[in-house]
N, C-alpha and C. Protein backbone atom coordinates (compact mmCIF):
# COMPACT_ATOMS: atom_id res chain seq x y z
N UNK A 1 108.22 92.33 80.55
CA UNK A 1 107.46 93.40 80.86
C UNK A 1 108.45 94.45 81.75
N UNK A 2 108.10 95.71 81.15
CA UNK A 2 108.65 96.89 81.56
C UNK A 2 107.97 97.28 82.77
N UNK A 3 108.96 97.92 83.66
CA UNK A 3 108.30 98.47 84.83
C UNK A 3 107.95 100.03 84.65
N UNK A 4 106.87 100.15 84.63
CA UNK A 4 106.24 101.68 84.91
C UNK A 4 107.29 102.73 85.55
N UNK A 5 107.79 103.70 85.13
CA UNK A 5 108.62 104.59 85.76
C UNK A 5 108.09 106.07 85.90
N UNK A 6 106.49 106.29 86.07
CA UNK A 6 105.97 107.19 85.73
C UNK A 6 106.37 108.17 87.25
N UNK A 7 106.38 107.50 88.37
CA UNK A 7 106.26 108.26 89.54
C UNK A 7 107.51 108.99 89.50
N UNK A 8 108.59 108.21 89.11
CA UNK A 8 110.12 108.81 88.99
C UNK A 8 110.09 109.82 88.04
N UNK A 9 109.51 109.44 86.77
CA UNK A 9 109.88 110.45 85.75
C UNK A 9 109.23 111.90 85.81
N UNK A 10 107.71 111.81 86.33
CA UNK A 10 107.19 113.00 87.01
C UNK A 10 108.02 113.80 87.89
N UNK A 11 108.16 113.15 88.76
CA UNK A 11 109.43 113.97 89.95
C UNK A 11 110.35 114.64 89.14
N UNK A 12 111.18 113.60 88.48
CA UNK A 12 112.41 114.30 87.99
C UNK A 12 111.98 115.54 86.99
N UNK A 13 110.98 115.31 86.00
CA UNK A 13 110.56 116.16 85.17
C UNK A 13 110.35 117.53 85.76
N UNK A 14 109.73 117.46 87.28
CA UNK A 14 108.98 118.71 88.05
C UNK A 14 110.09 119.38 88.44
N UNK A 15 111.09 118.60 88.93
CA UNK A 15 112.33 119.35 89.63
C UNK A 15 113.23 119.99 88.76
N UNK A 16 113.07 119.49 87.70
CA UNK A 16 114.05 120.06 86.62
C UNK A 16 113.68 120.96 86.16
N UNK A 17 112.37 120.96 85.93
CA UNK A 17 111.74 122.25 85.32
C UNK A 17 111.33 123.27 86.55
N UNK A 18 111.86 122.99 87.76
CA UNK A 18 111.61 123.97 88.77
C UNK A 18 110.14 124.37 89.21
N UNK A 19 109.52 123.17 89.22
CA UNK A 19 108.27 123.21 89.75
C UNK A 19 108.08 122.70 91.00
N UNK A 20 107.17 123.33 91.78
CA UNK A 20 106.62 122.61 92.74
C UNK A 20 105.35 121.76 92.82
N UNK A 21 105.01 120.53 93.57
CA UNK A 21 104.16 120.00 93.51
C UNK A 21 102.96 120.90 93.22
N UNK A 22 102.99 121.78 94.51
CA UNK A 22 101.74 122.84 94.32
C UNK A 22 101.57 123.69 92.96
N UNK A 23 102.98 123.53 92.32
CA UNK A 23 102.46 124.59 90.93
C UNK A 23 102.13 123.78 89.73
N UNK A 24 102.64 122.39 90.12
CA UNK A 24 102.22 121.77 88.94
C UNK A 24 100.67 121.15 89.07
N UNK A 25 100.40 120.83 90.24
CA UNK A 25 98.77 120.51 90.61
C UNK A 25 97.84 121.87 90.15
N UNK A 26 98.49 123.40 90.21
CA UNK A 26 97.66 124.13 89.74
C UNK A 26 97.57 124.16 88.51
N UNK A 27 98.95 123.79 87.49
CA UNK A 27 98.57 123.70 86.24
C UNK A 27 97.49 122.66 85.91
N UNK A 28 97.38 121.49 86.37
CA UNK A 28 96.68 120.34 86.23
C UNK A 28 95.20 120.21 86.85
N UNK A 29 94.93 121.59 87.16
CA UNK A 29 93.78 121.95 88.32
C UNK A 29 93.42 120.39 88.95
N UNK A 30 94.57 119.90 89.73
CA UNK A 30 94.22 119.18 90.87
C UNK A 30 94.83 119.53 91.93
N UNK A 31 94.69 118.71 92.96
CA UNK A 31 95.30 119.20 94.56
C UNK A 31 96.55 118.88 94.75
N UNK A 32 97.52 119.56 95.11
CA UNK A 32 98.75 119.26 95.50
C UNK A 32 98.82 117.78 96.04
N UNK A 33 98.12 117.26 97.02
CA UNK A 33 98.32 115.75 97.51
C UNK A 33 98.01 114.76 96.34
N UNK A 34 97.31 115.13 95.50
CA UNK A 34 96.94 114.06 94.03
C UNK A 34 98.48 113.80 93.66
N UNK A 35 99.32 115.15 93.42
CA UNK A 35 100.42 115.19 92.77
C UNK A 35 101.59 114.13 93.70
N UNK A 36 101.31 114.39 94.80
CA UNK A 36 102.28 113.98 95.94
C UNK A 36 102.07 112.04 95.86
N UNK A 37 100.98 112.09 95.81
CA UNK A 37 100.09 110.56 95.42
C UNK A 37 100.91 109.98 94.43
N UNK A 38 100.72 110.42 93.35
CA UNK A 38 101.56 110.16 92.14
C UNK A 38 102.78 109.89 92.14
N UNK A 39 103.60 110.91 92.76
CA UNK A 39 104.90 110.42 92.77
C UNK A 39 105.23 109.48 94.08
N UNK A 40 104.59 109.32 95.01
CA UNK A 40 104.79 108.10 95.76
C UNK A 40 104.11 106.70 95.41
N UNK A 41 103.51 106.54 93.98
CA UNK A 41 102.90 105.42 93.49
C UNK A 41 101.74 105.08 94.24
N UNK A 42 101.18 105.96 95.03
CA UNK A 42 99.63 105.71 95.33
C UNK A 42 98.86 105.48 94.24
N UNK A 43 98.73 106.10 93.40
CA UNK A 43 98.16 106.13 92.59
C UNK A 43 98.57 106.78 91.25
N UNK A 44 97.72 106.71 90.14
CA UNK A 44 98.22 107.62 89.08
C UNK A 44 97.25 108.03 88.17
N UNK A 45 97.22 109.01 87.28
CA UNK A 45 96.44 109.94 86.73
C UNK A 45 95.56 109.37 85.63
N UNK A 46 94.48 109.84 85.36
CA UNK A 46 93.62 109.13 84.13
C UNK A 46 94.31 109.69 82.86
N UNK A 47 94.08 109.19 81.86
CA UNK A 47 94.38 109.51 80.60
C UNK A 47 94.37 110.83 80.41
N UNK A 48 93.45 111.27 80.62
CA UNK A 48 93.31 113.07 80.47
C UNK A 48 94.41 113.97 80.73
N UNK A 49 94.45 113.57 82.01
CA UNK A 49 95.28 114.41 83.16
C UNK A 49 96.99 113.94 82.48
N UNK A 50 97.13 112.77 82.20
CA UNK A 50 98.52 112.21 81.55
C UNK A 50 98.71 113.05 80.49
N UNK A 51 97.56 113.24 79.32
CA UNK A 51 97.80 114.12 78.07
C UNK A 51 98.39 115.16 78.51
N UNK A 52 97.68 115.95 79.85
CA UNK A 52 97.93 117.28 79.90
C UNK A 52 99.36 117.49 80.72
N UNK A 53 99.70 116.58 81.22
CA UNK A 53 101.34 116.24 82.00
C UNK A 53 102.21 116.21 80.93
N UNK A 54 101.88 115.42 79.45
CA UNK A 54 103.03 115.24 79.01
C UNK A 54 103.10 116.74 77.44
N UNK A 55 102.06 117.49 77.80
CA UNK A 55 102.06 118.62 76.76
C UNK A 55 102.79 119.77 78.00
N UNK A 56 102.65 119.66 79.51
CA UNK A 56 103.20 120.47 80.28
C UNK A 56 104.70 120.51 79.67
N UNK A 57 105.28 119.08 79.69
CA UNK A 57 106.32 118.87 79.88
C UNK A 57 107.08 118.66 78.47
N UNK A 58 106.31 118.58 77.65
CA UNK A 58 106.51 118.51 76.10
C UNK A 58 107.40 117.13 75.88
N UNK A 59 106.89 116.12 76.64
CA UNK A 59 107.31 114.57 76.73
C UNK A 59 106.31 113.99 75.89
N UNK A 60 106.31 112.72 75.24
CA UNK A 60 105.36 112.16 74.73
C UNK A 60 104.94 110.96 75.88
N UNK A 61 103.71 110.52 75.94
CA UNK A 61 103.45 109.61 77.03
C UNK A 61 103.90 108.72 77.38
N UNK A 62 104.38 107.72 75.93
CA UNK A 62 105.34 106.75 76.32
C UNK A 62 106.73 106.79 77.19
N UNK A 63 107.36 108.39 76.65
CA UNK A 63 108.31 108.58 77.60
C UNK A 63 108.03 108.91 79.31
N UNK A 64 106.95 109.37 79.35
CA UNK A 64 106.64 109.30 81.07
C UNK A 64 106.20 108.17 81.54
N UNK A 65 105.83 106.91 80.75
CA UNK A 65 105.52 105.92 81.39
C UNK A 65 106.65 105.16 81.33
N UNK A 66 107.86 104.95 80.74
CA UNK A 66 108.93 104.03 80.77
C UNK A 66 110.47 104.88 81.28
């Protein structure tokens, strides 16, 4: 079974695109603490939010998760 690497992928994409956690949170209409929790593997976004993240970064969902 493949390990889900969402937290690392999200952080790498965010930094590569020059976004702060706060800026990404605003784009997703969530709190900055939520983005931080995702990156720290405390929790994961729901499917609708995951779809928004994939749109923002122009990545498919499978790529975000692996």
